[in-house]
Amino acid sequence: MDSLMGIPRIGWVNAGVRDPETVAEHTLLVSYIAASLAKEMGLDAGKAALLALIHDAAESALGNASRAVRDRVGLGNWRVLEMSVLSELGFGEEFSEYAGLSSREALVVAVSDKLATLIRACQYAKQGYDAADLVKNYLNEVKELLGRLGNSELSGLIEGYLADCGDLTRKRS
């Protein structure tokens, strides 16, 4: 797992970001957001944090593959690879719950994952990197997942996380 601290997120590398966040940095942010959202919703914040901590753990063995690579391998095949790694790490059942979005905590982690990426996209866009399309796409994904959660009370909390985005998200809302 230590290797995650040295693996840059490939999407940011491909976007030309100098010194992009690592998988470990992303995972920590996702975990914090997931625990906060779960607590706000009266869900099991510890479970949400655990699911968030393992959601990208397979990358310790598989690397941080680009979306193009995952698409070429196929989502089903990619999930089999991830499940193999997570099972070896002793978290197969938990990863299955996350990947299948089979609990409200898993949905919270999915929202948190997209939200963490959206936050970073806003930060990189403000630094001059071409991330406007990512901001738009991830904002739509966050909204779609929030709709599945059916908790309109989270809107205010989500807006707080998006404070760094400023007009980048308001123009697209």
N, C-alpha and C. Protein backbone atom coordinates (compact mmCIF):
# COMPACT_ATOMS: atom_id res chain seq x y z
N MET A 1 0.82 -1.19 0.00
CA MET A 1 0.00 0.00 0.00
C MET A 1 0.87 1.26 0.00
N ASP A 2 2.06 1.14 0.53
CA ASP A 2 2.97 2.28 0.59
C ASP A 2 3.22 2.87 -0.80
N SER A 3 3.13 2.01 -1.81
CA SER A 3 3.41 2.47 -3.18
C SER A 3 2.42 3.53 -3.66
N LEU A 4 1.21 3.56 -3.09
CA LEU A 4 0.21 4.54 -3.51
C LEU A 4 0.67 5.98 -3.29
N MET A 5 1.60 6.16 -2.34
CA MET A 5 2.10 7.51 -2.08
C MET A 5 2.97 8.03 -3.21
N GLY A 6 3.49 7.13 -4.03
CA GLY A 6 4.36 7.54 -5.13
C GLY A 6 3.73 7.42 -6.50
N ILE A 7 2.45 7.01 -6.56
CA ILE A 7 1.79 6.85 -7.85
C ILE A 7 0.95 8.10 -8.15
N PRO A 8 1.37 8.88 -9.15
CA PRO A 8 0.55 10.05 -9.50
C PRO A 8 -0.72 9.60 -10.21
N ARG A 9 -1.77 10.38 -10.06
CA ARG A 9 -3.02 10.07 -10.77
C ARG A 9 -2.80 10.36 -12.25
N ILE A 10 -2.95 9.31 -13.04
CA ILE A 10 -2.58 9.36 -14.44
C ILE A 10 -3.38 10.37 -15.25
N GLY A 11 -4.62 10.59 -14.87
CA GLY A 11 -5.43 11.58 -15.59
C GLY A 11 -4.82 12.97 -15.52
N TRP A 12 -4.26 13.30 -14.35
CA TRP A 12 -3.62 14.62 -14.20
C TRP A 12 -2.29 14.66 -14.93
N VAL A 13 -1.58 13.53 -14.95
CA VAL A 13 -0.33 13.47 -15.71
C VAL A 13 -0.65 13.70 -17.19
N ASN A 14 -1.67 13.00 -17.69
CA ASN A 14 -2.05 13.13 -19.10
C ASN A 14 -2.54 14.54 -19.43
N ALA A 15 -3.07 15.25 -18.43
CA ALA A 15 -3.54 16.63 -18.63
C ALA A 15 -2.39 17.63 -18.53
N GLY A 16 -1.17 17.13 -18.27
CA GLY A 16 -0.01 18.00 -18.23
C GLY A 16 0.22 18.69 -16.90
N VAL A 17 -0.48 18.25 -15.85
CA VAL A 17 -0.32 18.87 -14.54
C VAL A 17 1.06 18.54 -13.98
N ARG A 18 1.79 19.59 -13.62
CA ARG A 18 3.08 19.39 -12.96
C ARG A 18 2.83 19.03 -11.51
N ASP A 19 3.50 18.03 -11.02
CA ASP A 19 3.37 17.59 -9.63
C ASP A 19 1.91 17.30 -9.25
N PRO A 20 1.26 16.38 -9.97
CA PRO A 20 -0.14 16.07 -9.67
C PRO A 20 -0.29 15.30 -8.36
N GLU A 21 -1.51 15.30 -7.85
CA GLU A 21 -1.77 14.55 -6.62
C GLU A 21 -1.49 13.07 -6.85
N THR A 22 -1.14 12.38 -5.78
CA THR A 22 -0.91 10.94 -5.84
C THR A 22 -2.21 10.21 -5.54
N VAL A 23 -2.21 8.91 -5.81
CA VAL A 23 -3.37 8.09 -5.48
C VAL A 23 -3.62 8.14 -3.97
N ALA A 24 -2.57 8.15 -3.16
CA ALA A 24 -2.74 8.22 -1.70
C ALA A 24 -3.38 9.53 -1.28
N GLU A 25 -2.95 10.64 -1.87
CA GLU A 25 -3.55 11.94 -1.53
C GLU A 25 -5.03 11.96 -1.90
N HIS A 26 -5.34 11.43 -3.07
CA HIS A 26 -6.73 11.35 -3.51
C HIS A 26 -7.54 10.48 -2.54
N THR A 27 -6.99 9.34 -2.18
CA THR A 27 -7.69 8.42 -1.28
C THR A 27 -7.97 9.06 0.07
N LEU A 28 -7.02 9.81 0.59
CA LEU A 28 -7.24 10.48 1.88
C LEU A 28 -8.37 11.49 1.78
N LEU A 29 -8.40 12.27 0.71
CA LEU A 29 -9.47 13.25 0.54
C LEU A 29 -10.82 12.55 0.38
N VAL A 30 -10.87 11.49 -0.42
CA VAL A 30 -12.11 10.73 -0.59
C VAL A 30 -12.59 10.19 0.75
N SER A 31 -11.67 9.67 1.55
CA SER A 31 -12.03 9.09 2.85
C SER A 31 -12.59 10.15 3.79
N TYR A 32 -11.98 11.31 3.82
CA TYR A 32 -12.47 12.39 4.67
C TYR A 32 -13.87 12.83 4.24
N ILE A 33 -14.04 13.04 2.95
CA ILE A 33 -15.34 13.46 2.44
C ILE A 33 -16.39 12.39 2.73
N ALA A 34 -16.06 11.13 2.47
CA ALA A 34 -17.02 10.04 2.68
C ALA A 34 -17.45 9.95 4.14
N ALA A 35 -16.49 10.04 5.05
CA ALA A 35 -16.82 9.97 6.48
C ALA A 35 -17.71 11.15 6.87
N SER A 36 -17.40 12.33 6.36
CA SER A 36 -18.20 13.53 6.67
C SER A 36 -19.62 13.41 6.14
N LEU A 37 -19.75 13.00 4.88
CA LEU A 37 -21.08 12.87 4.29
C LEU A 37 -21.89 11.79 4.98
N ALA A 38 -21.24 10.65 5.26
CA ALA A 38 -21.95 9.55 5.92
C ALA A 38 -22.44 9.97 7.30
N LYS A 39 -21.59 10.66 8.03
CA LYS A 39 -21.98 11.14 9.36
C LYS A 39 -23.17 12.08 9.25
N GLU A 40 -23.11 12.99 8.30
CA GLU A 40 -24.20 13.95 8.08
C GLU A 40 -25.52 13.24 7.77
N MET A 41 -25.42 12.11 7.08
CA MET A 41 -26.62 11.36 6.68
C MET A 41 -27.07 10.36 7.73
N GLY A 42 -26.32 10.23 8.83
CA GLY A 42 -26.67 9.25 9.84
C GLY A 42 -26.29 7.83 9.46
N LEU A 43 -25.35 7.69 8.54
CA LEU A 43 -24.87 6.38 8.12
C LEU A 43 -23.63 6.00 8.94
N ASP A 44 -23.08 4.85 8.66
CA ASP A 44 -21.89 4.37 9.35
C ASP A 44 -20.65 5.04 8.74
N ALA A 45 -20.18 6.09 9.41
CA ALA A 45 -19.04 6.86 8.89
C ALA A 45 -17.77 6.01 8.83
N GLY A 46 -17.59 5.11 9.79
CA GLY A 46 -16.42 4.23 9.78
C GLY A 46 -16.42 3.30 8.58
N LYS A 47 -17.59 2.76 8.28
CA LYS A 47 -17.71 1.88 7.11
C LYS A 47 -17.44 2.66 5.83
N ALA A 48 -17.99 3.87 5.73
CA ALA A 48 -17.75 4.70 4.55
C ALA A 48 -16.27 5.02 4.41
N ALA A 49 -15.62 5.34 5.52
CA ALA A 49 -14.18 5.64 5.48
C ALA A 49 -13.38 4.42 5.03
N LEU A 50 -13.74 3.23 5.53
CA LEU A 50 -13.03 2.01 5.13
C LEU A 50 -13.22 1.76 3.63
N LEU A 51 -14.45 1.84 3.16
CA LEU A 51 -14.69 1.63 1.73
C LEU A 51 -13.91 2.64 0.89
N ALA A 52 -13.83 3.87 1.37
CA ALA A 52 -13.07 4.90 0.65
C ALA A 52 -11.58 4.58 0.66
N LEU A 53 -11.08 4.11 1.80
CA LEU A 53 -9.65 3.80 1.88
C LEU A 53 -9.25 2.68 0.93
N ILE A 54 -10.16 1.76 0.66
CA ILE A 54 -9.80 0.63 -0.22
C ILE A 54 -10.25 0.82 -1.67
N HIS A 55 -11.02 1.88 -1.96
CA HIS A 55 -11.63 1.98 -3.29
C HIS A 55 -10.60 1.99 -4.42
N ASP A 56 -9.42 2.50 -4.22
CA ASP A 56 -8.37 2.50 -5.23
C ASP A 56 -7.15 1.67 -4.81
N ALA A 57 -7.31 0.84 -3.79
CA ALA A 57 -6.17 0.08 -3.26
C ALA A 57 -5.57 -0.88 -4.27
N ALA A 58 -6.36 -1.36 -5.21
CA ALA A 58 -5.83 -2.28 -6.22
C ALA A 58 -4.74 -1.63 -7.06
N GLU A 59 -4.74 -0.31 -7.09
CA GLU A 59 -3.73 0.40 -7.87
C GLU A 59 -2.33 0.21 -7.30
N SER A 60 -2.24 -0.28 -6.07
CA SER A 60 -0.92 -0.59 -5.50
C SER A 60 -0.26 -1.72 -6.29
N ALA A 61 -1.06 -2.58 -6.91
CA ALA A 61 -0.54 -3.67 -7.72
C ALA A 61 -0.73 -3.43 -9.22
N LEU A 62 -1.83 -2.77 -9.58
CA LEU A 62 -2.17 -2.59 -11.00
C LEU A 62 -1.71 -1.27 -11.59
N GLY A 63 -1.33 -0.34 -10.72
CA GLY A 63 -0.99 1.00 -11.19
C GLY A 63 -2.25 1.82 -11.39
N ASN A 64 -2.08 3.10 -11.65
CA ASN A 64 -3.21 4.01 -11.88
C ASN A 64 -3.42 4.08 -13.39
N ALA A 65 -4.22 3.17 -13.90
CA ALA A 65 -4.44 3.06 -15.34
C ALA A 65 -5.37 4.17 -15.83
N SER A 66 -5.11 4.62 -17.02
CA SER A 66 -5.98 5.64 -17.62
C SER A 66 -7.34 5.04 -17.96
N ARG A 67 -8.31 5.91 -18.14
CA ARG A 67 -9.65 5.46 -18.52
C ARG A 67 -9.59 4.70 -19.84
N ALA A 68 -8.73 5.14 -20.76
CA ALA A 68 -8.60 4.46 -22.06
C ALA A 68 -8.14 3.02 -21.88
N VAL A 69 -7.20 2.80 -20.97
CA VAL A 69 -6.72 1.44 -20.71
C VAL A 69 -7.83 0.60 -20.09
N ARG A 70 -8.51 1.17 -19.10
CA ARG A 70 -9.61 0.42 -18.46
C ARG A 70 -10.72 0.11 -19.46
N ASP A 71 -11.02 1.06 -20.34
CA ASP A 71 -12.04 0.82 -21.37
C ASP A 71 -11.62 -0.29 -22.31
N ARG A 72 -10.34 -0.30 -22.65
CA ARG A 72 -9.84 -1.33 -23.57
C ARG A 72 -9.89 -2.71 -22.92
N VAL A 73 -9.55 -2.78 -21.64
CA VAL A 73 -9.60 -4.05 -20.90
C VAL A 73 -11.05 -4.47 -20.69
N GLY A 74 -11.92 -3.49 -20.52
CA GLY A 74 -13.33 -3.75 -20.24
C GLY A 74 -13.58 -3.66 -18.74
N LEU A 75 -14.67 -2.99 -18.37
CA LEU A 75 -14.96 -2.77 -16.96
C LEU A 75 -15.07 -4.08 -16.19
N GLY A 76 -15.74 -5.07 -16.77
CA GLY A 76 -15.88 -6.36 -16.09
C GLY A 76 -14.54 -7.01 -15.81
N ASN A 77 -13.67 -7.01 -16.82
CA ASN A 77 -12.34 -7.60 -16.65
C ASN A 77 -11.51 -6.80 -15.65
N TRP A 78 -11.64 -5.47 -15.70
CA TRP A 78 -10.89 -4.62 -14.77
C TRP A 78 -11.33 -4.90 -13.34
N ARG A 79 -12.64 -5.05 -13.13
CA ARG A 79 -13.17 -5.34 -11.79
C ARG A 79 -12.66 -6.68 -11.29
N VAL A 80 -12.52 -7.66 -12.17
CA VAL A 80 -11.98 -8.97 -11.77
C VAL A 80 -10.55 -8.80 -11.28
N LEU A 81 -9.75 -8.02 -11.99
CA LEU A 81 -8.37 -7.76 -11.57
C LEU A 81 -8.35 -7.05 -10.21
N GLU A 82 -9.18 -6.02 -10.07
CA GLU A 82 -9.24 -5.30 -8.80
C GLU A 82 -9.67 -6.22 -7.67
N MET A 83 -10.68 -7.04 -7.92
CA MET A 83 -11.18 -7.95 -6.89
C MET A 83 -10.10 -8.94 -6.47
N SER A 84 -9.32 -9.39 -7.42
CA SER A 84 -8.23 -10.31 -7.10
C SER A 84 -7.24 -9.67 -6.13
N VAL A 85 -6.85 -8.44 -6.43
CA VAL A 85 -5.90 -7.72 -5.56
C VAL A 85 -6.52 -7.48 -4.19
N LEU A 86 -7.75 -6.99 -4.16
CA LEU A 86 -8.40 -6.67 -2.88
C LEU A 86 -8.66 -7.92 -2.06
N SER A 87 -8.95 -9.03 -2.71
CA SER A 87 -9.12 -10.29 -1.97
C SER A 87 -7.81 -10.71 -1.33
N GLU A 88 -6.72 -10.56 -2.07
CA GLU A 88 -5.40 -10.87 -1.50
C GLU A 88 -5.08 -9.98 -0.31
N LEU A 89 -5.57 -8.75 -0.34
CA LEU A 89 -5.34 -7.81 0.77
C LEU A 89 -6.30 -8.03 1.92
N GLY A 90 -7.29 -8.91 1.72
CA GLY A 90 -8.25 -9.22 2.78
C GLY A 90 -9.49 -8.33 2.78
N PHE A 91 -9.73 -7.63 1.67
CA PHE A 91 -10.87 -6.72 1.60
C PHE A 91 -11.78 -7.01 0.41
N GLY A 92 -11.84 -8.26 0.00
CA GLY A 92 -12.66 -8.63 -1.15
C GLY A 92 -14.14 -8.32 -0.96
N GLU A 93 -14.67 -8.66 0.19
CA GLU A 93 -16.10 -8.43 0.46
C GLU A 93 -16.41 -6.93 0.45
N GLU A 94 -15.55 -6.16 1.09
CA GLU A 94 -15.76 -4.71 1.14
C GLU A 94 -15.65 -4.08 -0.25
N PHE A 95 -14.68 -4.56 -1.04
CA PHE A 95 -14.55 -4.01 -2.39
C PHE A 95 -15.76 -4.37 -3.24
N SER A 96 -16.26 -5.57 -3.07
CA SER A 96 -17.46 -5.99 -3.80
C SER A 96 -18.64 -5.07 -3.47
N GLU A 97 -18.77 -4.72 -2.19
CA GLU A 97 -19.83 -3.80 -1.77
C GLU A 97 -19.66 -2.44 -2.44
N TYR A 98 -18.42 -1.93 -2.43
CA TYR A 98 -18.16 -0.63 -3.06
C TYR A 98 -18.42 -0.70 -4.57
N ALA A 99 -17.81 -1.67 -5.23
CA ALA A 99 -17.91 -1.75 -6.69
C ALA A 99 -19.35 -1.95 -7.15
N GLY A 100 -20.12 -2.68 -6.37
CA GLY A 100 -21.52 -2.92 -6.71
C GLY A 100 -22.46 -1.83 -6.24
N LEU A 101 -21.92 -0.85 -5.52
CA LEU A 101 -22.73 0.22 -4.93
C LEU A 101 -23.94 -0.38 -4.20
N SER A 102 -23.65 -1.42 -3.42
CA SER A 102 -24.73 -2.20 -2.81
C SER A 102 -25.14 -1.71 -1.42
N SER A 103 -24.61 -0.58 -0.99
CA SER A 103 -25.05 0.01 0.27
C SER A 103 -25.04 1.53 0.10
N ARG A 104 -25.72 2.20 1.01
CA ARG A 104 -25.72 3.67 0.96
C ARG A 104 -24.32 4.21 1.22
N GLU A 105 -23.55 3.52 2.08
CA GLU A 105 -22.18 3.95 2.33
C GLU A 105 -21.34 3.84 1.05
N ALA A 106 -21.56 2.79 0.27
CA ALA A 106 -20.82 2.64 -0.99
C ALA A 106 -21.18 3.77 -1.96
N LEU A 107 -22.45 4.14 -2.00
CA LEU A 107 -22.87 5.27 -2.84
C LEU A 107 -22.22 6.57 -2.36
N VAL A 108 -22.13 6.73 -1.06
CA VAL A 108 -21.47 7.92 -0.50
C VAL A 108 -20.01 7.96 -0.94
N VAL A 109 -19.35 6.81 -0.96
CA VAL A 109 -17.95 6.75 -1.40
C VAL A 109 -17.86 7.10 -2.89
N ALA A 110 -18.79 6.61 -3.68
CA ALA A 110 -18.78 6.94 -5.11
C ALA A 110 -18.94 8.45 -5.31
N VAL A 111 -19.86 9.06 -4.56
CA VAL A 111 -20.03 10.52 -4.62
C VAL A 111 -18.73 11.20 -4.20
N SER A 112 -18.15 10.72 -3.12
CA SER A 112 -16.93 11.32 -2.56
C SER A 112 -15.76 11.22 -3.53
N ASP A 113 -15.66 10.09 -4.23
CA ASP A 113 -14.61 9.89 -5.21
C ASP A 113 -14.73 10.92 -6.34
N LYS A 114 -15.93 11.07 -6.86
CA LYS A 114 -16.14 12.04 -7.94
C LYS A 114 -15.97 13.47 -7.42
N LEU A 115 -16.45 13.72 -6.21
CA LEU A 115 -16.34 15.06 -5.63
C LEU A 115 -14.88 15.44 -5.39
N ALA A 116 -14.08 14.49 -4.89
CA ALA A 116 -12.66 14.76 -4.67
C ALA A 116 -11.96 15.09 -5.98
N THR A 117 -12.32 14.37 -7.04
CA THR A 117 -11.73 14.64 -8.35
C THR A 117 -12.21 15.99 -8.88
N LEU A 118 -13.47 16.31 -8.66
CA LEU A 118 -14.01 17.61 -9.06
C LEU A 118 -13.29 18.75 -8.35
N ILE A 119 -13.07 18.60 -7.06
CA ILE A 119 -12.35 19.62 -6.28
C ILE A 119 -10.96 19.84 -6.87
N ARG A 120 -10.27 18.74 -7.14
CA ARG A 120 -8.91 18.85 -7.69
C ARG A 120 -8.96 19.46 -9.09
N ALA A 121 -9.95 19.09 -9.90
CA ALA A 121 -10.07 19.67 -11.25
C ALA A 121 -10.26 21.18 -11.17
N CYS A 122 -11.05 21.63 -10.21
CA CYS A 122 -11.25 23.08 -10.02
C CYS A 122 -9.93 23.75 -9.65
N GLN A 123 -9.20 23.12 -8.74
CA GLN A 123 -7.92 23.70 -8.32
C GLN A 123 -6.95 23.78 -9.50
N TYR A 124 -6.88 22.71 -10.29
CA TYR A 124 -5.96 22.71 -11.43
C TYR A 124 -6.42 23.70 -12.50
N ALA A 125 -7.73 23.83 -12.71
CA ALA A 125 -8.24 24.80 -13.69
C ALA A 125 -7.85 26.22 -13.27
N LYS A 126 -7.94 26.50 -11.97
CA LYS A 126 -7.57 27.83 -11.48
C LYS A 126 -6.07 28.08 -11.64
N GLN A 127 -5.27 27.01 -11.71
CA GLN A 127 -3.83 27.15 -11.92
C GLN A 127 -3.49 27.27 -13.40
N GLY A 128 -4.51 27.23 -14.25
CA GLY A 128 -4.29 27.41 -15.68
C GLY A 128 -4.28 26.14 -16.50
N TYR A 129 -4.48 24.99 -15.88
CA TYR A 129 -4.53 23.74 -16.64
C TYR A 129 -5.89 23.59 -17.30
N ASP A 130 -5.92 22.89 -18.41
CA ASP A 130 -7.16 22.68 -19.16
C ASP A 130 -7.99 21.60 -18.48
N ALA A 131 -8.81 22.02 -17.54
CA ALA A 131 -9.62 21.07 -16.78
C ALA A 131 -11.10 21.43 -16.80
N ALA A 132 -11.49 22.38 -17.64
CA ALA A 132 -12.88 22.83 -17.65
C ALA A 132 -13.85 21.70 -18.00
N ASP A 133 -13.48 20.87 -18.98
CA ASP A 133 -14.37 19.75 -19.33
C ASP A 133 -14.47 18.75 -18.19
N LEU A 134 -13.36 18.53 -17.49
CA LEU A 134 -13.40 17.63 -16.34
C LEU A 134 -14.30 18.19 -15.24
N VAL A 135 -14.24 19.49 -15.02
CA VAL A 135 -15.11 20.11 -14.02
C VAL A 135 -16.56 19.85 -14.39
N LYS A 136 -16.89 20.10 -15.64
CA LYS A 136 -18.27 19.90 -16.10
C LYS A 136 -18.69 18.44 -15.95
N ASN A 137 -17.85 17.52 -16.42
CA ASN A 137 -18.20 16.10 -16.38
C ASN A 137 -18.34 15.58 -14.95
N TYR A 138 -17.40 15.93 -14.09
CA TYR A 138 -17.46 15.44 -12.71
C TYR A 138 -18.60 16.09 -11.93
N LEU A 139 -18.91 17.33 -12.23
CA LEU A 139 -20.06 17.97 -11.58
C LEU A 139 -21.34 17.22 -11.94
N ASN A 140 -21.48 16.84 -13.20
CA ASN A 140 -22.66 16.07 -13.62
C ASN A 140 -22.69 14.70 -12.95
N GLU A 141 -21.54 14.05 -12.82
CA GLU A 141 -21.49 12.74 -12.16
C GLU A 141 -21.84 12.85 -10.68
N VAL A 142 -21.35 13.90 -10.02
CA VAL A 142 -21.69 14.11 -8.60
C VAL A 142 -23.19 14.30 -8.46
N LYS A 143 -23.77 15.12 -9.32
CA LYS A 143 -25.22 15.38 -9.24
C LYS A 143 -26.02 14.10 -9.48
N GLU A 144 -25.59 13.30 -10.44
CA GLU A 144 -26.30 12.05 -10.74
C GLU A 144 -26.24 11.10 -9.55
N LEU A 145 -25.08 10.95 -8.94
CA LEU A 145 -24.94 10.07 -7.78
C LEU A 145 -25.70 10.61 -6.58
N LEU A 146 -25.70 11.93 -6.40
CA LEU A 146 -26.48 12.52 -5.31
C LEU A 146 -27.96 12.22 -5.50
N GLY A 147 -28.42 12.24 -6.75
CA GLY A 147 -29.80 11.89 -7.04
C GLY A 147 -30.12 10.47 -6.63
N ARG A 148 -29.17 9.57 -6.85
CA ARG A 148 -29.37 8.17 -6.44
C ARG A 148 -29.41 8.04 -4.93
N LEU A 149 -28.65 8.88 -4.25
CA LEU A 149 -28.67 8.86 -2.78
C LEU A 149 -29.98 9.42 -2.25
N GLY A 150 -30.57 10.33 -3.00
CA GLY A 150 -31.85 10.91 -2.61
C GLY A 150 -31.80 11.73 -1.34
N ASN A 151 -30.70 12.39 -1.08
CA ASN A 151 -30.58 13.19 0.13
C ASN A 151 -30.29 14.64 -0.25
N SER A 152 -31.33 15.42 -0.38
CA SER A 152 -31.17 16.82 -0.80
C SER A 152 -30.47 17.66 0.26
N GLU A 153 -30.45 17.18 1.51
CA GLU A 153 -29.80 17.93 2.58
C GLU A 153 -28.29 18.04 2.38
N LEU A 154 -27.73 17.18 1.56
CA LEU A 154 -26.28 17.20 1.33
C LEU A 154 -25.85 18.35 0.43
N SER A 155 -26.78 18.96 -0.25
CA SER A 155 -26.43 20.02 -1.20
C SER A 155 -25.59 21.11 -0.56
N GLY A 156 -25.97 21.56 0.63
CA GLY A 156 -25.21 22.60 1.31
C GLY A 156 -23.81 22.16 1.66
N LEU A 157 -23.68 20.92 2.12
CA LEU A 157 -22.37 20.39 2.47
C LEU A 157 -21.50 20.26 1.22
N ILE A 158 -22.09 19.79 0.14
CA ILE A 158 -21.37 19.66 -1.12
C ILE A 158 -20.91 21.03 -1.61
N GLU A 159 -21.77 22.02 -1.51
CA GLU A 159 -21.40 23.38 -1.92
C GLU A 159 -20.18 23.87 -1.13
N GLY A 160 -20.10 23.51 0.14
CA GLY A 160 -18.95 23.88 0.95
C GLY A 160 -17.66 23.29 0.40
N TYR A 161 -17.72 22.04 -0.05
CA TYR A 161 -16.54 21.41 -0.63
C TYR A 161 -16.14 22.07 -1.95
N LEU A 162 -17.11 22.65 -2.63
CA LEU A 162 -16.85 23.23 -3.95
C LEU A 162 -16.50 24.71 -3.89
N ALA A 163 -16.24 25.22 -2.70
CA ALA A 163 -15.91 26.64 -2.54
C ALA A 163 -14.72 27.05 -3.42
N ASP A 164 -13.74 26.16 -3.57
CA ASP A 164 -12.57 26.46 -4.40
C ASP A 164 -12.93 26.56 -5.88
N CYS A 165 -14.07 26.02 -6.25
CA CYS A 165 -14.44 26.01 -7.67
C CYS A 165 -14.99 27.34 -8.14
N GLY A 166 -15.58 28.10 -7.22
CA GLY A 166 -16.12 29.40 -7.59
C GLY A 166 -17.03 29.32 -8.80
N ASP A 167 -16.77 30.18 -9.78
CA ASP A 167 -17.61 30.26 -10.98
C ASP A 167 -17.48 29.04 -11.88
N LEU A 168 -16.46 28.23 -11.69
CA LEU A 168 -16.28 27.06 -12.55
C LEU A 168 -17.47 26.12 -12.48
N THR A 169 -18.09 25.99 -11.30
CA THR A 169 -19.24 25.10 -11.18
C THR A 169 -20.55 25.86 -11.29
N ARG A 170 -20.58 27.09 -10.85
CA ARG A 170 -21.83 27.85 -10.90
C ARG A 170 -22.29 28.09 -12.33
N LYS A 171 -21.37 28.30 -13.22
CA LYS A 171 -21.72 28.54 -14.62
C LYS A 171 -22.34 27.30 -15.26
N ARG A 172 -22.00 26.15 -14.72
CA ARG A 172 -22.44 24.90 -15.33
C ARG A 172 -23.60 24.26 -14.58
N SER A 173 -24.03 24.83 -13.51
CA SER A 173 -25.07 24.21 -12.69
C SER A 173 -26.41 24.20 -13.40
